[in-house]
Amino acid sequence: MTGLVLADDLLLLFVCWEATSLVSFLLVAYHGESQNARRGARLALIVTVASGLALLAGLLLLGHMSGTHRLSEILGKGDVVRSHAHYALVLGLIFLGVFTKSAQFPFHFWLPAAMAAPTPASAYLHSATMVKAGVFLLARLFSALSGTSLWFALVAGVGVATFTVGASTALFKHDVKELLAYSTVSHLGLITLLLGLGTPLGAVAAVFHVLNHATFKASLFMAAGIIDHEAGTRDMRLLNGLWFCMPYTALLATVSAAAMAGVPLLNGFLSKEMFFAELLHQEGPGALRHVLTFAAALAGTFSVAYSLRFMHGVFFARPWCEPPRRPHETPAWMKVPVTVLTSVCLLVGLFPDHTVRPILNAASAAVLMTPPPDYSLALWHGLTPALILSAGVMAGGVVLYAFREPLFRFHDEHFPPWIGGMIVERLVEGTIGLASRFIRQLHNGSLRRSLALLLAWTALLGVLAFVRSRTALLVPVPLSSLDAPTVVGAGLIVIATGVAVLSRSRPLPAILNLGVTGVVVTLAFVRFSGPDLVLTQIAVEMVFTVVLLLILFFMPQEIPSVISRARR
């Protein structure tokens, strides 16, 4: 991951990109005895590595268009890249790699399956850092690729779809880590949407939310691991009223979930208000602006609702069933990471200018390749449209959570589970089955078939070489160039070869006739004055004959005839 961030060469960046996929596969499959862990690891590897090939093609084409593979030089050639005839193709290839890596719709299904990894890996890699590699690359290439209607349509469109689908799906998940996984998908869509707007302030807000999301989401995943460790389950239908058993953990998780919902005085509120402000002030067709605003408000409403479900459903609801184990407060050292991350959420929310602004300025300048525009991180900007929209989203989320029971029943009856992972699994199984059938036909244990394929392929390569060189396969030979030794030698080779082929039930005569062909070739070398080739050919013929006789000694004395006359 460090190499991915620091790489200034496109190929080195790609190598580090693929390395994260491979190591992530091993971490997801950490519990190798678990079928879910193996399935999640296989799904993550197939999706991310397959799309990585598209990314490689896009990066190579980008380097060709700009005349260099140095990223620092490419970022200064945005006008050249955007005006190139292959700009749309480069966007499509790079976006395919980016969107799958960062679990954008419709490739988001691999990320919840990857939550089979141990809690530290889920908290650090699959929620806070590595899963953001895609949006990081979007931000890294922002100055070179953004600023066109195609960028806006693809990035903003995929971002708002992911934001909405992830948020609406998270509300209906009963597993704590699965809810948080889909909320990660949703927030990654929010960051992608901000970058898709193509504005300087949108890029600043995207970088800000990358930092904020990393802190509160890692805290929540660590809290989920504590809950699973203490209660023996992550099913929210069995986790009710944990506040009375684990008050300190409940307080930390509640503050982090409030930051995820965008509650004021926490870091998530600041970046969410910047998001709404930039969305409301974007340029473009009025209908499109209204659609994006409505979809973002709807996704924000679901975000508040699933955050409330995590807080209230796990810690404050009245218990009506017992978890597998009697929960109690965890040891102090297990709470240290959650405490640190939750404190960061609170400090950034209360003192943004003194905590996060220097980092945000540096990161935004690296994205924009210029100093960032003026922006405010104040807690109060007055009664602005962004604040009104944020308040409306909060109220809508509370109402949505209040009517969750009929909403759950409606969802279970009318919305089947997402089948993206199932489709990929079926494709993989079908590919493996097709390959197995092909190999069974190609390598069925028959030495004759293997030799026939090898010789046929060798002959085909020879014919192709003649065709490409435009040399005739058969050329006329003048009769004057023929003499008696040549005719006799050619006749002996033809006769001996024919007898060897027809002596299928008597292997010893076949070997002797093959020896005759070798002797004739040796005499040809003598005639053309090649003594070194003569000695080599004699040694080869001796070794060849001895090896074949040894083979015959160990083989059955009679070989049944299994080849038809027509085939022979």
Protein backbone atom coordinates (compact mmCIF):
# COMPACT_ATOMS: atom_id res chain seq x y z
CA MET A 1 0.00 0.00 0.00
CA THR A 2 2.86 2.35 0.73
CA GLY A 3 4.36 1.55 -2.66
CA LEU A 4 1.01 2.21 -4.35
CA VAL A 5 0.78 5.65 -2.74
CA LEU A 6 4.41 6.69 -3.31
CA ALA A 7 4.93 5.21 -6.81
CA ASP A 8 5.77 7.75 -9.51
CA ASP A 9 5.91 5.13 -12.26
CA LEU A 10 2.71 3.67 -13.70
CA LEU A 11 4.08 0.13 -13.92
CA LEU A 12 5.38 0.19 -10.35
CA LEU A 13 2.01 1.51 -9.25
CA PHE A 14 0.31 -1.41 -10.99
CA VAL A 15 2.67 -3.97 -9.42
CA CYS A 16 1.86 -2.62 -5.94
CA TRP A 17 -1.85 -2.52 -6.87
CA GLU A 18 -1.85 -6.22 -7.73
CA ALA A 19 0.25 -7.09 -4.68
CA THR A 20 -2.44 -5.67 -2.41
CA SER A 21 -4.99 -7.94 -4.11
CA LEU A 22 -2.85 -11.04 -3.59
CA VAL A 23 -2.07 -10.32 0.06
CA SER A 24 -5.70 -9.36 0.69
CA PHE A 25 -6.69 -12.78 -0.68
CA LEU A 26 -4.48 -14.46 1.92
CA LEU A 27 -5.88 -12.34 4.74
CA VAL A 28 -9.51 -12.99 3.80
CA ALA A 29 -8.73 -16.73 3.67
CA TYR A 30 -7.02 -16.59 7.07
CA HIS A 31 -9.57 -19.02 8.55
CA GLY A 32 -8.97 -21.63 5.87
CA GLU A 33 -11.30 -24.17 7.46
CA SER A 34 -14.26 -21.83 6.89
CA GLN A 35 -16.14 -22.19 3.62
CA ASN A 36 -17.25 -18.53 3.79
CA ALA A 37 -13.64 -17.41 4.18
CA ARG A 38 -12.50 -19.44 1.17
CA ARG A 39 -15.42 -18.22 -0.92
CA GLY A 40 -14.87 -14.59 0.05
CA ALA A 41 -11.15 -14.78 -0.69
CA ARG A 42 -11.72 -16.42 -4.08
CA LEU A 43 -14.39 -13.87 -4.99
CA ALA A 44 -12.19 -10.91 -4.01
CA LEU A 45 -9.22 -12.26 -5.95
CA ILE A 46 -11.16 -13.00 -9.13
CA VAL A 47 -12.92 -9.64 -9.26
CA THR A 48 -9.97 -7.43 -8.37
CA VAL A 49 -7.26 -9.26 -10.34
CA ALA A 50 -9.40 -9.69 -13.47
CA SER A 51 -10.16 -5.97 -13.52
CA GLY A 52 -6.51 -5.27 -12.81
CA LEU A 53 -5.71 -6.44 -16.34
CA ALA A 54 -8.00 -3.71 -17.67
CA LEU A 55 -6.25 -1.20 -15.42
CA LEU A 56 -2.87 -2.31 -16.78
CA ALA A 57 -4.06 -1.74 -20.34
CA GLY A 58 -5.43 1.68 -19.37
CA LEU A 59 -2.21 2.74 -17.66
CA LEU A 60 -0.07 1.60 -20.59
CA LEU A 61 -2.31 3.48 -23.01
CA LEU A 62 -2.21 6.55 -20.76
CA GLY A 63 1.58 6.42 -20.79
CA HIS A 64 1.56 6.12 -24.58
CA MET A 65 -0.78 9.10 -24.95
CA SER A 66 1.25 11.34 -22.69
CA GLY A 67 4.66 10.11 -23.88
CA THR A 68 5.86 9.10 -20.43
CA HIS A 69 5.13 6.63 -17.63
CA ARG A 70 6.15 9.05 -14.89
CA LEU A 71 3.01 10.01 -13.00
CA SER A 72 4.34 13.42 -11.97
CA GLU A 73 4.78 14.33 -15.65
CA ILE A 74 1.44 12.87 -16.75
CA LEU A 75 -0.47 14.98 -14.23
CA GLY A 76 0.85 18.12 -15.92
CA LYS A 77 -0.37 17.00 -19.36
CA GLY A 78 -4.09 16.95 -18.70
CA ASP A 79 -4.93 18.95 -21.83
CA VAL A 80 -3.00 16.50 -24.02
CA VAL A 81 -4.69 13.48 -22.44
CA ARG A 82 -8.22 14.89 -22.56
CA SER A 83 -7.90 15.91 -26.22
CA HIS A 84 -6.52 12.56 -27.35
CA ALA A 85 -8.64 10.26 -29.52
CA HIS A 86 -8.22 7.38 -27.03
CA TYR A 87 -9.33 9.39 -23.98
CA ALA A 88 -12.67 7.58 -23.68
CA LEU A 89 -11.00 4.18 -23.96
CA VAL A 90 -8.46 5.08 -21.27
CA LEU A 91 -11.25 6.24 -18.96
CA GLY A 92 -13.19 3.02 -19.47
CA LEU A 93 -10.19 0.76 -18.79
CA ILE A 94 -8.97 2.67 -15.74
CA PHE A 95 -12.47 3.02 -14.33
CA LEU A 96 -13.03 -0.74 -14.61
CA GLY A 97 -10.01 -1.35 -12.39
CA VAL A 98 -10.85 1.50 -10.04
CA PHE A 99 -14.52 0.68 -9.57
CA THR A 100 -13.93 -3.00 -8.81
CA LYS A 101 -11.11 -2.29 -6.36
CA SER A 102 -13.24 0.19 -4.43
CA ALA A 103 -16.38 -1.98 -4.58
CA GLN A 104 -18.46 0.36 -6.72
CA PHE A 105 -21.83 -0.76 -8.04
CA PRO A 106 -22.30 -3.26 -9.68
CA PHE A 107 -18.97 -4.77 -8.53
CA HIS A 108 -19.61 -4.17 -4.82
CA PHE A 109 -20.58 -7.74 -3.91
CA TRP A 110 -17.01 -8.90 -3.19
CA LEU A 111 -16.44 -6.53 -0.25
CA PRO A 112 -19.11 -7.90 2.16
CA ALA A 113 -17.86 -11.42 1.39
CA ALA A 114 -14.32 -10.29 2.28
CA MET A 115 -15.49 -9.51 5.82
CA ALA A 116 -14.77 -13.16 6.64
CA ALA A 117 -11.26 -11.90 7.37
CA PRO A 118 -10.18 -11.38 11.01
CA THR A 119 -11.45 -8.17 12.61
CA PRO A 120 -8.12 -6.24 12.42
CA ALA A 121 -7.84 -6.97 8.68
CA SER A 122 -11.46 -5.94 8.13
CA ALA A 123 -11.06 -2.78 10.19
CA TYR A 124 -7.78 -1.68 8.65
CA LEU A 125 -7.82 -2.96 5.07
CA HIS A 126 -11.37 -3.62 3.92
CA SER A 127 -12.99 -0.59 5.51
CA ALA A 128 -10.41 2.13 6.06
CA THR A 129 -7.41 1.95 3.74
CA MET A 130 -6.81 -0.71 1.06
CA VAL A 131 -10.38 -0.68 -0.19
CA LYS A 132 -9.84 3.02 -0.92
CA ALA A 133 -7.09 2.24 -3.43
CA GLY A 134 -9.57 2.80 -6.24
CA VAL A 135 -10.77 6.20 -5.06
CA PHE A 136 -7.15 7.08 -4.27
CA LEU A 137 -6.21 6.43 -7.91
CA LEU A 138 -9.20 8.48 -9.05
CA ALA A 139 -7.97 11.34 -6.90
CA ARG A 140 -4.36 10.83 -8.03
CA LEU A 141 -5.35 11.10 -11.72
CA PHE A 142 -7.90 13.85 -11.05
CA SER A 143 -5.89 16.69 -12.60
CA ALA A 144 -5.13 14.67 -15.75
CA LEU A 145 -8.49 13.02 -16.47
CA SER A 146 -11.24 15.14 -14.90
CA GLY A 147 -13.03 18.14 -16.32
CA THR A 148 -15.02 16.49 -19.11
CA SER A 149 -18.68 15.54 -19.43
CA LEU A 150 -17.66 11.87 -19.81
CA TRP A 151 -15.78 11.97 -16.49
CA PHE A 152 -18.81 13.55 -14.81
CA ALA A 153 -21.29 11.07 -16.27
CA LEU A 154 -19.29 7.93 -15.47
CA VAL A 155 -17.77 8.80 -12.09
CA ALA A 156 -20.67 10.75 -10.63
CA GLY A 157 -23.21 8.28 -12.01
CA VAL A 158 -21.46 5.21 -10.60
CA GLY A 159 -20.80 7.07 -7.34
CA VAL A 160 -24.40 8.04 -6.69
CA ALA A 161 -25.62 4.54 -7.63
CA THR A 162 -23.14 2.97 -5.21
CA PHE A 163 -23.98 5.49 -2.49
CA THR A 164 -27.68 4.70 -2.77
CA VAL A 165 -27.48 0.92 -3.22
CA GLY A 166 -24.97 0.47 -0.41
CA ALA A 167 -26.94 2.58 2.06
CA SER A 168 -30.29 1.01 1.26
CA THR A 169 -28.84 -2.51 1.49
CA ALA A 170 -27.02 -1.92 4.78
CA LEU A 171 -30.24 -1.13 6.63
CA PHE A 172 -31.63 -4.64 6.03
CA LYS A 173 -28.56 -6.64 7.09
CA HIS A 174 -28.65 -8.41 10.46
CA ASP A 175 -24.93 -9.19 10.80
CA VAL A 176 -23.03 -6.26 12.35
CA LYS A 177 -19.99 -6.65 10.09
CA GLU A 178 -22.20 -7.07 7.03
CA LEU A 179 -24.08 -3.86 7.88
CA LEU A 180 -20.79 -2.03 8.29
CA ALA A 181 -19.46 -3.57 5.05
CA TYR A 182 -22.37 -2.23 3.01
CA SER A 183 -22.03 1.12 4.77
CA THR A 184 -18.41 1.12 3.58
CA VAL A 185 -19.65 0.50 0.04
CA SER A 186 -22.03 3.44 0.47
CA HIS A 187 -19.38 5.84 1.73
CA LEU A 188 -17.00 4.81 -1.05
CA GLY A 189 -19.76 5.75 -3.45
CA LEU A 190 -20.08 9.13 -1.73
CA ILE A 191 -16.34 9.79 -2.19
CA THR A 192 -16.55 8.71 -5.84
CA LEU A 193 -19.51 11.03 -6.38
CA LEU A 194 -17.57 13.96 -4.94
CA LEU A 195 -14.64 13.28 -7.27
CA GLY A 196 -17.04 12.85 -10.17
CA LEU A 197 -18.33 16.41 -9.75
CA GLY A 198 -14.96 17.50 -11.12
CA THR A 199 -14.75 20.68 -9.02
CA PRO A 200 -11.87 21.75 -6.76
CA LEU A 201 -14.07 21.93 -3.67
CA GLY A 202 -15.56 18.54 -4.53
CA ALA A 203 -12.06 17.07 -4.54
CA VAL A 204 -11.30 18.72 -1.18
CA ALA A 205 -14.50 17.29 0.30
CA ALA A 206 -13.64 13.84 -1.12
CA VAL A 207 -10.20 13.87 0.51
CA PHE A 208 -11.74 15.08 3.78
CA HIS A 209 -14.27 12.26 3.79
CA VAL A 210 -11.54 9.70 3.01
CA LEU A 211 -9.84 10.73 6.26
CA ASN A 212 -13.05 10.91 8.29
CA HIS A 213 -14.42 7.61 7.04
CA ALA A 214 -11.13 5.86 7.83
CA THR A 215 -11.34 6.89 11.48
CA PHE A 216 -14.97 6.22 12.36
CA LYS A 217 -15.31 3.06 10.22
CA ALA A 218 -12.14 1.44 11.62
CA SER A 219 -13.42 2.25 15.10
CA LEU A 220 -16.78 0.63 14.35
CA PHE A 221 -15.22 -2.53 12.95
CA MET A 222 -13.00 -2.89 16.01
CA ALA A 223 -16.11 -2.46 18.18
CA ALA A 224 -17.85 -5.14 16.11
CA GLY A 225 -14.93 -7.47 16.82
CA ILE A 226 -15.22 -6.75 20.55
CA ILE A 227 -18.95 -7.48 20.46
CA ASP A 228 -18.39 -10.76 18.61
CA HIS A 229 -15.63 -11.72 21.05
CA GLU A 230 -17.70 -11.04 24.14
CA ALA A 231 -21.21 -12.03 23.06
CA GLY A 232 -20.31 -14.89 20.71
CA THR A 233 -22.44 -13.54 17.84
CA ARG A 234 -22.76 -10.59 15.46
CA ASP A 235 -26.47 -11.13 14.76
CA MET A 236 -28.26 -7.93 15.77
CA ARG A 237 -31.43 -9.90 16.40
CA LEU A 238 -29.59 -11.48 19.35
CA LEU A 239 -27.70 -8.36 20.47
CA ASN A 240 -29.98 -6.10 22.42
CA GLY A 241 -29.36 -3.94 25.45
CA LEU A 242 -25.57 -4.39 25.52
CA TRP A 243 -25.27 -0.92 27.08
CA PHE A 244 -26.03 -2.46 30.46
CA CYS A 245 -23.27 -5.09 30.08
CA MET A 246 -20.62 -3.14 28.13
CA PRO A 247 -21.15 0.59 28.84
CA TYR A 248 -17.69 1.80 27.82
CA THR A 249 -17.67 -0.10 24.52
CA ALA A 250 -21.23 1.05 23.88
CA LEU A 251 -20.23 4.69 24.40
CA LEU A 252 -17.30 4.45 21.99
CA ALA A 253 -19.32 2.64 19.33
CA THR A 254 -22.22 5.08 19.68
CA VAL A 255 -19.97 8.10 19.15
CA SER A 256 -18.39 6.50 16.06
CA ALA A 257 -21.80 5.53 14.67
CA ALA A 258 -23.00 9.10 15.23
CA ALA A 259 -20.00 10.33 13.26
CA MET A 260 -20.96 7.91 10.47
CA ALA A 261 -24.49 9.34 10.51
CA GLY A 262 -23.18 12.92 10.31
CA VAL A 263 -24.25 14.13 13.74
CA PRO A 264 -22.95 17.68 14.55
CA LEU A 265 -19.78 18.12 16.64
CA LEU A 266 -18.25 15.01 15.01
CA ASN A 267 -15.98 14.74 11.98
CA GLY A 268 -18.55 13.04 9.76
CA PHE A 269 -20.84 16.07 10.02
CA LEU A 270 -18.21 18.43 8.57
CA SER A 271 -17.46 16.39 5.46
CA LYS A 272 -21.15 15.59 4.92
CA GLU A 273 -22.04 19.31 5.07
CA MET A 274 -19.26 20.04 2.55
CA PHE A 275 -20.70 17.27 0.37
CA PHE A 276 -24.22 18.71 0.42
CA ALA A 277 -22.95 22.25 -0.15
CA GLU A 278 -20.94 21.24 -3.20
CA LEU A 279 -23.78 19.10 -4.55
CA LEU A 280 -26.24 21.99 -4.30
CA HIS A 281 -23.85 24.42 -6.01
CA GLN A 282 -22.75 22.18 -8.86
CA GLU A 283 -23.05 23.36 -12.42
CA GLY A 284 -24.87 21.45 -15.10
CA PRO A 285 -28.38 20.70 -16.36
CA GLY A 286 -31.03 21.45 -13.77
CA ALA A 287 -32.77 18.06 -14.11
CA LEU A 288 -29.52 16.17 -13.60
CA ARG A 289 -28.61 18.32 -10.61
CA HIS A 290 -32.00 17.63 -9.02
CA VAL A 291 -31.67 13.88 -9.65
CA LEU A 292 -28.22 13.75 -8.04
CA THR A 293 -29.38 15.82 -5.07
CA PHE A 294 -32.47 13.67 -4.51
CA ALA A 295 -30.50 10.40 -4.79
CA ALA A 296 -27.82 11.69 -2.40
CA ALA A 297 -30.47 12.85 0.10
CA LEU A 298 -32.18 9.44 -0.09
CA ALA A 299 -28.87 7.64 0.47
CA GLY A 300 -28.08 9.98 3.37
CA THR A 301 -31.46 9.17 4.91
CA PHE A 302 -30.70 5.45 4.76
CA SER A 303 -27.26 6.15 6.23
CA VAL A 304 -28.82 7.78 9.29
CA ALA A 305 -31.29 4.89 9.57
CA TYR A 306 -28.68 2.11 9.53
CA SER A 307 -26.48 4.08 11.93
CA LEU A 308 -29.46 4.32 14.29
CA ARG A 309 -30.08 0.62 13.90
CA PHE A 310 -26.50 -0.14 14.90
CA MET A 311 -26.64 2.17 17.92
CA HIS A 312 -30.14 1.46 19.17
CA GLY A 313 -30.58 -2.14 18.05
CA VAL A 314 -27.32 -3.39 19.57
CA PHE A 315 -26.88 -1.29 22.69
CA PHE A 316 -30.16 0.31 23.79
CA ALA A 317 -33.11 -1.82 22.66
CA ARG A 318 -34.87 -3.86 25.30
CA PRO A 319 -33.42 -7.41 25.32
CA TRP A 320 -35.83 -10.22 24.44
CA CYS A 321 -33.32 -13.05 23.85
CA GLU A 322 -29.95 -14.03 25.21
CA PRO A 323 -26.77 -14.11 23.07
CA PRO A 324 -24.69 -17.31 23.03
CA ARG A 325 -22.40 -15.97 25.77
CA ARG A 326 -23.05 -13.64 28.67
CA PRO A 327 -21.38 -10.41 27.50
CA HIS A 328 -19.24 -8.26 29.76
CA GLU A 329 -16.77 -5.43 29.35
CA THR A 330 -13.68 -6.39 27.40
CA PRO A 331 -10.11 -6.11 28.73
CA ALA A 332 -8.70 -2.58 28.64
CA TRP A 333 -6.13 -3.17 25.91
CA MET A 334 -8.79 -4.30 23.43
CA LYS A 335 -10.50 -0.93 23.84
CA VAL A 336 -7.39 1.20 23.26
CA PRO A 337 -7.65 1.28 19.42
CA VAL A 338 -11.36 2.11 19.56
CA THR A 339 -10.72 4.84 22.13
CA VAL A 340 -7.99 6.45 20.03
CA LEU A 341 -10.06 6.42 16.83
CA THR A 342 -13.20 7.69 18.56
CA SER A 343 -11.18 10.49 20.15
CA VAL A 344 -9.96 11.50 16.69
CA CYS A 345 -13.58 11.67 15.47
CA LEU A 346 -14.44 13.97 18.35
CA LEU A 347 -11.33 16.17 18.15
CA VAL A 348 -11.65 16.70 14.41
CA GLY A 349 -15.32 17.53 14.84
CA LEU A 350 -14.64 20.11 17.56
CA PHE A 351 -11.30 21.55 16.42
CA PRO A 352 -11.00 20.95 12.66
CA ASP A 353 -8.70 23.90 11.96
CA HIS A 354 -6.14 22.74 14.52
CA THR A 355 -6.28 19.02 13.76
CA VAL A 356 -7.08 18.11 10.17
CA ARG A 357 -6.66 21.30 8.09
CA PRO A 358 -2.85 21.01 7.55
CA ILE A 359 -3.21 17.40 6.37
CA LEU A 360 -6.25 18.26 4.26
CA ASN A 361 -4.45 21.19 2.60
CA ALA A 362 -1.43 19.06 1.70
CA ALA A 363 -3.52 16.17 0.36
CA SER A 364 -5.87 18.45 -1.60
CA ALA A 365 -2.92 20.26 -3.18
CA ALA A 366 -1.52 16.90 -4.31
CA VAL A 367 -4.87 16.02 -5.91
CA LEU A 368 -5.46 19.38 -7.61
CA MET A 369 -1.77 20.05 -8.45
CA THR A 370 -2.47 23.61 -7.26
CA PRO A 371 -3.16 25.14 -3.83
CA PRO A 372 -6.73 24.29 -2.80
CA PRO A 373 -9.40 27.01 -2.96
CA ASP A 374 -10.60 28.73 0.17
CA TYR A 375 -12.94 26.62 2.25
CA SER A 376 -14.30 26.80 5.75
CA LEU A 377 -14.29 24.08 8.41
CA ALA A 378 -16.36 26.11 10.87
CA LEU A 379 -18.99 24.34 12.94
CA TRP A 380 -21.61 26.96 12.08
CA HIS A 381 -22.05 28.63 8.70
CA GLY A 382 -25.51 29.97 9.37
CA LEU A 383 -28.81 28.60 8.13
CA THR A 384 -27.50 27.47 4.75
CA PRO A 385 -29.26 25.20 2.22
CA ALA A 386 -26.67 22.50 2.99
CA LEU A 387 -27.50 22.65 6.72
CA ILE A 388 -31.23 22.51 5.98
CA LEU A 389 -30.73 19.48 3.70
CA SER A 390 -28.56 17.81 6.33
CA ALA A 391 -31.22 18.39 9.00
CA GLY A 392 -33.89 17.00 6.68
CA VAL A 393 -31.80 13.91 6.05
CA MET A 394 -31.35 13.40 9.80
CA ALA A 395 -35.08 13.70 10.42
CA GLY A 396 -35.86 11.37 7.52
CA GLY A 397 -33.46 8.77 8.87
CA VAL A 398 -35.13 8.85 12.29
CA VAL A 399 -38.58 8.41 10.72
CA LEU A 400 -37.31 5.61 8.49
CA TYR A 401 -35.87 3.75 11.46
CA ALA A 402 -39.08 4.25 13.45
CA PHE A 403 -41.02 2.36 10.73
CA ARG A 404 -38.37 -0.31 10.26
CA GLU A 405 -40.53 -3.35 11.03
CA PRO A 406 -43.02 -2.95 8.14
CA LEU A 407 -40.11 -1.84 5.96
CA PHE A 408 -38.23 -5.05 6.76
CA ARG A 409 -41.26 -7.17 5.91
CA PHE A 410 -41.77 -5.34 2.61
CA HIS A 411 -38.09 -5.76 1.73
CA ASP A 412 -38.07 -9.49 2.51
CA GLU A 413 -41.16 -10.08 0.37
CA HIS A 414 -40.31 -8.02 -2.70
CA PHE A 415 -36.52 -7.76 -2.96
CA PRO A 416 -34.47 -10.91 -3.60
CA PRO A 417 -30.87 -10.97 -2.39
CA TRP A 418 -28.22 -9.49 -4.67
CA ILE A 419 -26.95 -12.21 -6.99
CA GLY A 420 -23.71 -10.62 -8.23
CA GLY A 421 -21.51 -12.94 -6.19
CA MET A 422 -23.59 -15.94 -7.28
CA ILE A 423 -23.13 -15.01 -10.94
CA VAL A 424 -19.36 -14.80 -10.55
CA GLU A 425 -19.29 -18.11 -8.69
CA ARG A 426 -21.29 -19.78 -11.48
CA LEU A 427 -18.96 -18.31 -14.11
CA VAL A 428 -15.92 -19.61 -12.24
CA GLU A 429 -17.44 -23.07 -11.80
CA GLY A 430 -18.43 -23.17 -15.46
CA THR A 431 -14.94 -22.12 -16.58
CA ILE A 432 -13.30 -24.75 -14.39
CA GLY A 433 -15.69 -27.41 -15.68
CA LEU A 434 -15.02 -26.44 -19.31
CA ALA A 435 -11.27 -26.52 -18.71
CA SER A 436 -11.54 -29.94 -17.03
CA ARG A 437 -13.48 -31.39 -19.98
CA PHE A 438 -10.96 -29.91 -22.42
CA ILE A 439 -8.04 -31.41 -20.52
CA ARG A 440 -9.76 -34.79 -20.30
CA GLN A 441 -10.14 -34.78 -24.07
CA LEU A 442 -6.64 -33.48 -24.71
CA HIS A 443 -4.72 -35.52 -22.12
CA ASN A 444 -6.60 -38.77 -21.66
CA GLY A 445 -3.53 -40.85 -20.80
CA SER A 446 -2.92 -41.99 -24.37
CA LEU A 447 0.72 -41.67 -25.36
CA ARG A 448 -0.27 -42.00 -29.02
CA ARG A 449 -2.62 -39.04 -28.81
CA SER A 450 -0.06 -36.89 -27.02
CA LEU A 451 2.61 -37.71 -29.60
CA ALA A 452 0.16 -37.11 -32.44
CA LEU A 453 -0.75 -33.68 -31.08
CA LEU A 454 2.90 -32.79 -30.52
CA LEU A 455 3.92 -33.83 -34.05
CA ALA A 456 0.85 -32.16 -35.62
CA TRP A 457 1.62 -28.89 -33.84
CA THR A 458 5.29 -29.08 -34.90
CA ALA A 459 4.28 -29.71 -38.49
CA LEU A 460 1.81 -26.81 -38.37
CA LEU A 461 4.53 -24.48 -37.13
CA GLY A 462 6.79 -25.60 -39.98
CA VAL A 463 4.05 -24.99 -42.56
CA LEU A 464 3.32 -21.56 -41.10
CA ALA A 465 7.01 -20.65 -41.31
CA PHE A 466 7.01 -21.55 -45.01
CA VAL A 467 3.80 -19.62 -45.63
CA ARG A 468 5.05 -16.47 -43.87
CA SER A 469 8.36 -16.63 -45.72
CA ARG A 470 6.47 -17.07 -49.02
CA THR A 471 8.64 -20.07 -49.88
CA ALA A 472 7.11 -22.94 -51.83
CA LEU A 473 6.71 -26.18 -49.93
CA LEU A 474 7.33 -28.29 -53.05
CA VAL A 475 9.80 -27.19 -55.69
CA PRO A 476 10.62 -29.07 -58.91
CA VAL A 477 13.89 -31.01 -58.85
CA PRO A 478 15.67 -31.36 -62.18
CA LEU A 479 16.41 -34.98 -63.16
CA SER A 480 19.97 -34.06 -63.94
CA SER A 481 20.69 -33.47 -60.26
CA LEU A 482 19.68 -37.01 -59.31
CA ASP A 483 22.17 -39.87 -59.20
CA ALA A 484 22.06 -43.53 -58.17
CA PRO A 485 23.17 -43.12 -54.49
CA THR A 486 20.53 -40.42 -53.93
CA VAL A 487 17.73 -42.52 -55.44
CA VAL A 488 18.80 -45.67 -53.56
CA GLY A 489 19.13 -43.82 -50.27
CA ALA A 490 15.71 -42.15 -50.64
CA GLY A 491 14.16 -45.50 -51.55
CA LEU A 492 15.70 -47.23 -48.54
CA ILE A 493 14.39 -44.50 -46.19
CA VAL A 494 10.86 -44.74 -47.62
CA ILE A 495 10.82 -48.57 -47.49
CA ALA A 496 12.31 -48.80 -44.00
CA THR A 497 9.93 -46.16 -42.63
CA GLY A 498 6.93 -47.91 -44.16
CA VAL A 499 7.95 -51.29 -42.76
CA ALA A 500 8.49 -49.71 -39.31
CA VAL A 501 5.00 -48.19 -39.34
CA LEU A 502 3.33 -51.40 -40.50
CA SER A 503 5.18 -53.59 -37.97
CA ARG A 504 2.87 -52.53 -35.14
CA SER A 505 2.55 -56.03 -33.63
CA ARG A 506 6.28 -56.82 -33.97
CA PRO A 507 8.25 -54.04 -32.32
CA LEU A 508 11.74 -55.55 -32.92
CA PRO A 509 11.54 -55.34 -36.75
CA ALA A 510 10.21 -51.78 -36.34
CA ILE A 511 13.29 -50.80 -34.34
CA LEU A 512 15.61 -52.44 -36.85
CA ASN A 513 13.99 -50.60 -39.75
CA LEU A 514 14.26 -47.31 -37.87
CA GLY A 515 17.94 -48.15 -37.53
CA VAL A 516 18.15 -48.54 -41.32
CA THR A 517 16.82 -45.01 -41.81
CA GLY A 518 19.46 -43.78 -39.35
CA VAL A 519 22.22 -45.55 -41.24
CA VAL A 520 21.10 -44.04 -44.54
CA VAL A 521 21.09 -40.54 -42.98
CA THR A 522 24.61 -41.25 -41.65
CA LEU A 523 25.80 -42.24 -45.14
CA ALA A 524 24.28 -39.02 -46.50
CA PHE A 525 26.43 -37.05 -44.03
CA VAL A 526 29.47 -39.05 -45.21
CA ARG A 527 28.71 -38.16 -48.82
CA PHE A 528 28.40 -34.47 -48.03
CA SER A 529 31.69 -34.47 -46.04
CA GLY A 530 30.37 -33.89 -42.53
CA PRO A 531 32.44 -36.16 -40.26
CA ASP A 532 31.30 -34.42 -37.07
CA LEU A 533 27.66 -35.03 -38.01
CA VAL A 534 28.50 -38.64 -38.89
CA LEU A 535 29.92 -39.32 -35.42
CA THR A 536 27.01 -37.55 -33.75
CA GLN A 537 24.42 -39.46 -35.79
CA ILE A 538 26.11 -42.83 -35.02
CA ALA A 539 26.08 -42.04 -31.26
CA VAL A 540 22.44 -40.97 -31.41
CA GLU A 541 21.42 -44.11 -33.30
CA MET A 542 23.20 -46.35 -30.78
CA VAL A 543 21.63 -44.67 -27.75
CA PHE A 544 18.22 -44.58 -29.43
CA THR A 545 18.32 -48.31 -30.22
CA VAL A 546 19.49 -49.28 -26.73
CA VAL A 547 16.78 -47.16 -25.05
CA LEU A 548 14.05 -48.65 -27.26
CA LEU A 549 15.24 -52.19 -26.52
CA LEU A 550 15.13 -51.42 -22.78
CA ILE A 551 11.59 -50.12 -23.19
CA LEU A 552 10.58 -53.30 -25.02
CA PHE A 553 12.05 -55.39 -22.21
CA PHE A 554 9.65 -53.85 -19.69
CA MET A 555 6.61 -53.61 -21.95
CA PRO A 556 4.09 -56.45 -22.50
CA GLN A 557 5.15 -58.92 -25.16
CA GLU A 558 1.92 -58.50 -27.09
CA ILE A 559 0.23 -55.14 -27.66
CA PRO A 560 -3.48 -55.39 -28.46
CA SER A 561 -4.63 -53.72 -31.63
CA VAL A 562 -6.78 -50.71 -30.74
CA ILE A 563 -6.39 -48.64 -33.91
CA SER A 564 -8.66 -49.14 -36.87
CA ARG A 565 -7.25 -49.69 -40.32
CA ALA A 566 -8.76 -46.42 -41.60
CA ARG A 567 -7.16 -44.39 -38.84
CA ARG A 568 -3.82 -46.12 -39.31
